[in-house]
Amino acid sequence: MSKADKRIPVTEERWQELNDLKEAGQTYDELLKELVEQQQRRQLAARTRAVEEASEEELTSLDEL
């Protein structure tokens, strides 16, 4: 993967929150990757719950695909 130096403007408060989350030796790139993965897992879990809670009328049968 190529490295691209980008600037992401954040408030001083957000910067401090990120700094507090970052572990010793961990880069901000690694921290952001971890946060993105956590958010993706939460989104997947929410979509899974929505499907599980949907009524049969709201779902499309695999035979219809």
PDB file of N, CA and C in Angstrom:
ATOM      1  N   MET A   1       0.843  -1.167   0.000  1.00  0.00           N
ATOM      2  CA  MET A   1       0.000   0.000   0.000  1.00  0.00           C
ATOM      3  C   MET A   1       0.892   1.235   0.000  1.00  0.00           C
ATOM      4  N   SER A   2       0.572   2.177  -0.817  1.00  0.00           N
ATOM      5  CA  SER A   2       1.380   3.388  -0.859  1.00  0.00           C
ATOM      6  C   SER A   2       0.990   4.300   0.294  1.00  0.00           C
ATOM      7  N   LYS A   3       1.943   5.060   0.729  1.00  0.00           N
ATOM      8  CA  LYS A   3       1.701   5.989   1.826  1.00  0.00           C
ATOM      9  C   LYS A   3       1.427   7.365   1.237  1.00  0.00           C
ATOM     10  N   ALA A   4       0.350   7.956   1.674  1.00  0.00           N
ATOM     11  CA  ALA A   4       0.006   9.301   1.227  1.00  0.00           C
ATOM     12  C   ALA A   4      -0.122  10.179   2.464  1.00  0.00           C
ATOM     13  N   ASP A   5       0.626  11.256   2.474  1.00  0.00           N
ATOM     14  CA  ASP A   5       0.521  12.197   3.582  1.00  0.00           C
ATOM     15  C   ASP A   5      -0.631  13.137   3.308  1.00  0.00           C
ATOM     16  N   LYS A   6      -1.641  13.060   4.133  1.00  0.00           N
ATOM     17  CA  LYS A   6      -2.831  13.888   3.997  1.00  0.00           C
ATOM     18  C   LYS A   6      -3.057  14.622   5.302  1.00  0.00           C
ATOM     19  N   ARG A   7      -3.702  15.730   5.215  1.00  0.00           N
ATOM     20  CA  ARG A   7      -4.060  16.488   6.413  1.00  0.00           C
ATOM     21  C   ARG A   7      -5.559  16.367   6.631  1.00  0.00           C
ATOM     22  N   ILE A   8      -5.926  16.062   7.850  1.00  0.00           N
ATOM     23  CA  ILE A   8      -7.327  15.967   8.225  1.00  0.00           C
ATOM     24  C   ILE A   8      -7.542  16.997   9.333  1.00  0.00           C
ATOM     25  N   PRO A   9      -8.255  18.069   9.028  1.00  0.00           N
ATOM     26  CA  PRO A   9      -8.458  19.080  10.068  1.00  0.00           C
ATOM     27  C   PRO A   9      -9.370  18.547  11.177  1.00  0.00           C
ATOM     28  N   VAL A  10      -8.923  18.700  12.407  1.00  0.00           N
ATOM     29  CA  VAL A  10      -9.708  18.303  13.571  1.00  0.00           C
ATOM     30  C   VAL A  10      -9.594  19.408  14.623  1.00  0.00           C
ATOM     31  N   THR A  11     -10.590  19.443  15.491  1.00  0.00           N
ATOM     32  CA  THR A  11     -10.534  20.399  16.589  1.00  0.00           C
ATOM     33  C   THR A  11      -9.484  19.946  17.598  1.00  0.00           C
ATOM     34  N   GLU A  12      -9.070  20.861  18.436  1.00  0.00           N
ATOM     35  CA  GLU A  12      -8.113  20.518  19.493  1.00  0.00           C
ATOM     36  C   GLU A  12      -8.695  19.434  20.405  1.00  0.00           C
ATOM     37  N   GLU A  13      -9.996  19.536  20.675  1.00  0.00           N
ATOM     38  CA  GLU A  13     -10.667  18.534  21.513  1.00  0.00           C
ATOM     39  C   GLU A  13     -10.594  17.142  20.864  1.00  0.00           C
ATOM     40  N   ARG A  14     -10.889  17.053  19.567  1.00  0.00           N
ATOM     41  CA  ARG A  14     -10.860  15.768  18.864  1.00  0.00           C
ATOM     42  C   ARG A  14      -9.433  15.221  18.829  1.00  0.00           C
ATOM     43  N   TRP A  15      -8.457  16.099  18.603  1.00  0.00           N
ATOM     44  CA  TRP A  15      -7.053  15.689  18.573  1.00  0.00           C
ATOM     45  C   TRP A  15      -6.677  15.054  19.918  1.00  0.00           C
ATOM     46  N   GLN A  16      -7.108  15.665  21.014  1.00  0.00           N
ATOM     47  CA  GLN A  16      -6.796  15.143  22.338  1.00  0.00           C
ATOM     48  C   GLN A  16      -7.478  13.802  22.561  1.00  0.00           C
ATOM     49  N   GLU A  17      -8.727  13.672  22.094  1.00  0.00           N
ATOM     50  CA  GLU A  17      -9.432  12.398  22.229  1.00  0.00           C
ATOM     51  C   GLU A  17      -8.712  11.295  21.458  1.00  0.00           C
ATOM     52  N   LEU A  18      -8.263  11.605  20.254  1.00  0.00           N
ATOM     53  CA  LEU A  18      -7.511  10.620  19.470  1.00  0.00           C
ATOM     54  C   LEU A  18      -6.209  10.273  20.176  1.00  0.00           C
ATOM     55  N   ASN A  19      -5.544  11.279  20.680  1.00  0.00           N
ATOM     56  CA  ASN A  19      -4.283  11.053  21.374  1.00  0.00           C
ATOM     57  C   ASN A  19      -4.487  10.177  22.605  1.00  0.00           C
ATOM     58  N   ASP A  20      -5.598  10.370  23.307  1.00  0.00           N
ATOM     59  CA  ASP A  20      -5.897   9.557  24.487  1.00  0.00           C
ATOM     60  C   ASP A  20      -6.189   8.100  24.111  1.00  0.00           C
ATOM     61  N   LEU A  21      -6.761   7.885  22.932  1.00  0.00           N
ATOM     62  CA  LEU A  21      -7.059   6.524  22.479  1.00  0.00           C
ATOM     63  C   LEU A  21      -5.821   5.786  21.987  1.00  0.00           C
ATOM     64  N   LYS A  22      -4.868   6.533  21.473  1.00  0.00           N
ATOM     65  CA  LYS A  22      -3.677   5.950  20.873  1.00  0.00           C
ATOM     66  C   LYS A  22      -2.800   5.307  21.944  1.00  0.00           C
ATOM     67  N   GLU A  23      -2.386   4.079  21.669  1.00  0.00           N
ATOM     68  CA  GLU A  23      -1.509   3.369  22.593  1.00  0.00           C
ATOM     69  C   GLU A  23      -0.052   3.710  22.297  1.00  0.00           C
ATOM     70  N   ALA A  24       0.817   3.493  23.269  1.00  0.00           N
ATOM     71  CA  ALA A  24       2.238   3.747  23.095  1.00  0.00           C
ATOM     72  C   ALA A  24       2.757   2.940  21.908  1.00  0.00           C
ATOM     73  N   GLY A  25       3.460   3.595  21.012  1.00  0.00           N
ATOM     74  CA  GLY A  25       4.025   2.935  19.842  1.00  0.00           C
ATOM     75  C   GLY A  25       3.064   2.798  18.683  1.00  0.00           C
ATOM     76  N   GLN A  26       1.805   3.094  18.901  1.00  0.00           N
ATOM     77  CA  GLN A  26       0.802   2.993  17.840  1.00  0.00           C
ATOM     78  C   GLN A  26       0.810   4.281  17.018  1.00  0.00           C
ATOM     79  N   THR A  27       0.741   4.140  15.713  1.00  0.00           N
ATOM     80  CA  THR A  27       0.674   5.320  14.854  1.00  0.00           C
ATOM     81  C   THR A  27      -0.769   5.793  14.743  1.00  0.00           C
ATOM     82  N   TYR A  28      -0.938   7.044  14.325  1.00  0.00           N
ATOM     83  CA  TYR A  28      -2.293   7.545  14.104  1.00  0.00           C
ATOM     84  C   TYR A  28      -2.958   6.779  12.963  1.00  0.00           C
ATOM     85  N   ASP A  29      -2.178   6.356  11.984  1.00  0.00           N
ATOM     86  CA  ASP A  29      -2.734   5.561  10.887  1.00  0.00           C
ATOM     87  C   ASP A  29      -3.299   4.246  11.419  1.00  0.00           C
ATOM     88  N   GLU A  30      -2.558   3.596  12.304  1.00  0.00           N
ATOM     89  CA  GLU A  30      -3.029   2.337  12.890  1.00  0.00           C
ATOM     90  C   GLU A  30      -4.281   2.569  13.741  1.00  0.00           C
ATOM     91  N   LEU A  31      -4.296   3.653  14.501  1.00  0.00           N
ATOM     92  CA  LEU A  31      -5.463   3.971  15.316  1.00  0.00           C
ATOM     93  C   LEU A  31      -6.682   4.226  14.443  1.00  0.00           C
ATOM     94  N   LEU A  32      -6.520   5.013  13.396  1.00  0.00           N
ATOM     95  CA  LEU A  32      -7.636   5.308  12.510  1.00  0.00           C
ATOM     96  C   LEU A  32      -8.125   4.050  11.808  1.00  0.00           C
ATOM     97  N   LYS A  33      -7.207   3.179  11.411  1.00  0.00           N
ATOM     98  CA  LYS A  33      -7.596   1.905  10.793  1.00  0.00           C
ATOM     99  C   LYS A  33      -8.449   1.095  11.760  1.00  0.00           C
ATOM    100  N   GLU A  34      -8.031   1.029  13.012  1.00  0.00           N
ATOM    101  CA  GLU A  34      -8.777   0.294  14.029  1.00  0.00           C
ATOM    102  C   GLU A  34     -10.170   0.899  14.235  1.00  0.00           C
ATOM    103  N   LEU A  35     -10.252   2.219  14.285  1.00  0.00           N
ATOM    104  CA  LEU A  35     -11.539   2.885  14.464  1.00  0.00           C
ATOM    105  C   LEU A  35     -12.461   2.649  13.270  1.00  0.00           C
ATOM    106  N   VAL A  36     -11.904   2.668  12.063  1.00  0.00           N
ATOM    107  CA  VAL A  36     -12.697   2.406  10.857  1.00  0.00           C
ATOM    108  C   VAL A  36     -13.221   0.974  10.885  1.00  0.00           C
ATOM    109  N   GLU A  37     -12.373   0.023  11.242  1.00  0.00           N
ATOM    110  CA  GLU A  37     -12.803  -1.380  11.301  1.00  0.00           C
ATOM    111  C   GLU A  37     -13.900  -1.572  12.347  1.00  0.00           C
ATOM    112  N   GLN A  38     -13.780  -0.914  13.496  1.00  0.00           N
ATOM    113  CA  GLN A  38     -14.813  -1.011  14.527  1.00  0.00           C
ATOM    114  C   GLN A  38     -16.143  -0.467  14.006  1.00  0.00           C
ATOM    115  N   GLN A  39     -16.082   0.666  13.316  1.00  0.00           N
ATOM    116  CA  GLN A  39     -17.311   1.259  12.776  1.00  0.00           C
ATOM    117  C   GLN A  39     -17.925   0.358  11.712  1.00  0.00           C
ATOM    118  N   GLN A  40     -17.101  -0.242  10.868  1.00  0.00           N
ATOM    119  CA  GLN A  40     -17.617  -1.152   9.845  1.00  0.00           C
ATOM    120  C   GLN A  40     -18.297  -2.359  10.479  1.00  0.00           C
ATOM    121  N   ARG A  41     -17.716  -2.887  11.570  1.00  0.00           N
ATOM    122  CA  ARG A  41     -18.334  -4.018  12.266  1.00  0.00           C
ATOM    123  C   ARG A  41     -19.673  -3.610  12.877  1.00  0.00           C
ATOM    124  N   ARG A  42     -19.740  -2.405  13.458  1.00  0.00           N
ATOM    125  CA  ARG A  42     -21.007  -1.928  14.024  1.00  0.00           C
ATOM    126  C   ARG A  42     -22.068  -1.782  12.942  1.00  0.00           C
ATOM    127  N   GLN A  43     -21.677  -1.251  11.780  1.00  0.00           N
ATOM    128  CA  GLN A  43     -22.632  -1.092  10.680  1.00  0.00           C
ATOM    129  C   GLN A  43     -23.124  -2.445  10.188  1.00  0.00           C
ATOM    130  N   LEU A  44     -22.224  -3.417  10.063  1.00  0.00           N
ATOM    131  CA  LEU A  44     -22.612  -4.754   9.636  1.00  0.00           C
ATOM    132  C   LEU A  44     -23.553  -5.386  10.652  1.00  0.00           C
ATOM    133  N   ALA A  45     -23.255  -5.223  11.922  1.00  0.00           N
ATOM    134  CA  ALA A  45     -24.117  -5.780  12.970  1.00  0.00           C
ATOM    135  C   ALA A  45     -25.499  -5.140  12.912  1.00  0.00           C
ATOM    136  N   ALA A  46     -25.561  -3.840  12.666  1.00  0.00           N
ATOM    137  CA  ALA A  46     -26.855  -3.152  12.579  1.00  0.00           C
ATOM    138  C   ALA A  46     -27.648  -3.647  11.379  1.00  0.00           C
ATOM    139  N   ARG A  47     -26.982  -3.838  10.239  1.00  0.00           N
ATOM    140  CA  ARG A  47     -27.678  -4.356   9.054  1.00  0.00           C
ATOM    141  C   ARG A  47     -28.161  -5.785   9.295  1.00  0.00           C
ATOM    142  N   THR A  48     -27.350  -6.578   9.978  1.00  0.00           N
ATOM    143  CA  THR A  48     -27.726  -7.955  10.294  1.00  0.00           C
ATOM    144  C   THR A  48     -28.952  -7.972  11.199  1.00  0.00           C
ATOM    145  N   ARG A  49     -28.960  -7.117  12.223  1.00  0.00           N
ATOM    146  CA  ARG A  49     -30.127  -7.028  13.107  1.00  0.00           C
ATOM    147  C   ARG A  49     -31.365  -6.612  12.329  1.00  0.00           C
ATOM    148  N   ALA A  50     -31.216  -5.664  11.408  1.00  0.00           N
ATOM    149  CA  ALA A  50     -32.361  -5.200  10.620  1.00  0.00           C
ATOM    150  C   ALA A  50     -32.949  -6.340   9.800  1.00  0.00           C
ATOM    151  N   VAL A  51     -32.095  -7.175   9.225  1.00  0.00           N
ATOM    152  CA  VAL A  51     -32.573  -8.314   8.439  1.00  0.00           C
ATOM    153  C   VAL A  51     -33.250  -9.333   9.358  1.00  0.00           C
ATOM    154  N   GLU A  52     -32.636  -9.593  10.501  1.00  0.00           N
ATOM    155  CA  GLU A  52     -33.209 -10.562  11.437  1.00  0.00           C
ATOM    156  C   GLU A  52     -34.569 -10.102  11.952  1.00  0.00           C
ATOM    157  N   GLU A  53     -34.739  -8.798  12.116  1.00  0.00           N
ATOM    158  CA  GLU A  53     -35.984  -8.255  12.654  1.00  0.00           C
ATOM    159  C   GLU A  53     -37.043  -8.007  11.574  1.00  0.00           C
ATOM    160  N   ALA A  54     -36.649  -8.075  10.319  1.00  0.00           N
ATOM    161  CA  ALA A  54     -37.591  -7.819   9.225  1.00  0.00           C
ATOM    162  C   ALA A  54     -38.598  -8.966   9.124  1.00  0.00           C
ATOM    163  N   SER A  55     -39.795  -8.599   8.739  1.00  0.00           N
ATOM    164  CA  SER A  55     -40.805  -9.635   8.523  1.00  0.00           C
ATOM    165  C   SER A  55     -40.538 -10.313   7.181  1.00  0.00           C
ATOM    166  N   GLU A  56     -41.103 -11.477   6.992  1.00  0.00           N
ATOM    167  CA  GLU A  56     -40.882 -12.216   5.748  1.00  0.00           C
ATOM    168  C   GLU A  56     -41.363 -11.435   4.532  1.00  0.00           C
ATOM    169  N   GLU A  57     -42.386 -10.619   4.707  1.00  0.00           N
ATOM    170  CA  GLU A  57     -42.906  -9.829   3.587  1.00  0.00           C
ATOM    171  C   GLU A  57     -41.906  -8.768   3.123  1.00  0.00           C
ATOM    172  N   GLU A  58     -41.041  -8.331   4.034  1.00  0.00           N
ATOM    173  CA  GLU A  58     -40.068  -7.293   3.703  1.00  0.00           C
ATOM    174  C   GLU A  58     -38.828  -7.855   3.000  1.00  0.00           C
ATOM    175  N   LEU A  59     -38.660  -9.159   3.039  1.00  0.00           N
ATOM    176  CA  LEU A  59     -37.461  -9.787   2.482  1.00  0.00           C
ATOM    177  C   LEU A  59     -37.744 -10.393   1.111  1.00  0.00           C
ATOM    178  N   THR A  60     -36.709 -10.503   0.304  1.00  0.00           N
ATOM    179  CA  THR A  60     -36.812 -11.122  -1.015  1.00  0.00           C
ATOM    180  C   THR A  60     -36.312 -12.550  -0.917  1.00  0.00           C
ATOM    181  N   SER A  61     -37.087 -13.461  -1.416  1.00  0.00           N
ATOM    182  CA  SER A  61     -36.693 -14.871  -1.414  1.00  0.00           C
ATOM    183  C   SER A  61     -35.492 -15.043  -2.338  1.00  0.00           C
ATOM    184  N   LEU A  62     -34.592 -15.933  -1.960  1.00  0.00           N
ATOM    185  CA  LEU A  62     -33.438 -16.223  -2.820  1.00  0.00           C
ATOM    186  C   LEU A  62     -33.878 -16.793  -4.152  1.00  0.00           C
ATOM    187  N   ASP A  63     -34.999 -17.495  -4.171  1.00  0.00           N
ATOM    188  CA  ASP A  63     -35.522 -18.050  -5.419  1.00  0.00           C
ATOM    189  C   ASP A  63     -35.906 -16.946  -6.401  1.00  0.00           C
ATOM    190  N   GLU A  64     -36.229 -15.761  -5.884  1.00  0.00           N
ATOM    191  CA  GLU A  64     -36.639 -14.654  -6.732  1.00  0.00           C
ATOM    192  C   GLU A  64     -35.461 -13.864  -7.300  1.00  0.00           C
ATOM    193  N   LEU A  65     -34.278 -14.160  -6.843  1.00  0.00           N
ATOM    194  CA  LEU A  65     -33.099 -13.411  -7.312  1.00  0.00           C
ATOM    195  C   LEU A  65     -32.564 -13.940  -8.609  1.00  0.00           C
TER     196      LEU A  65
END
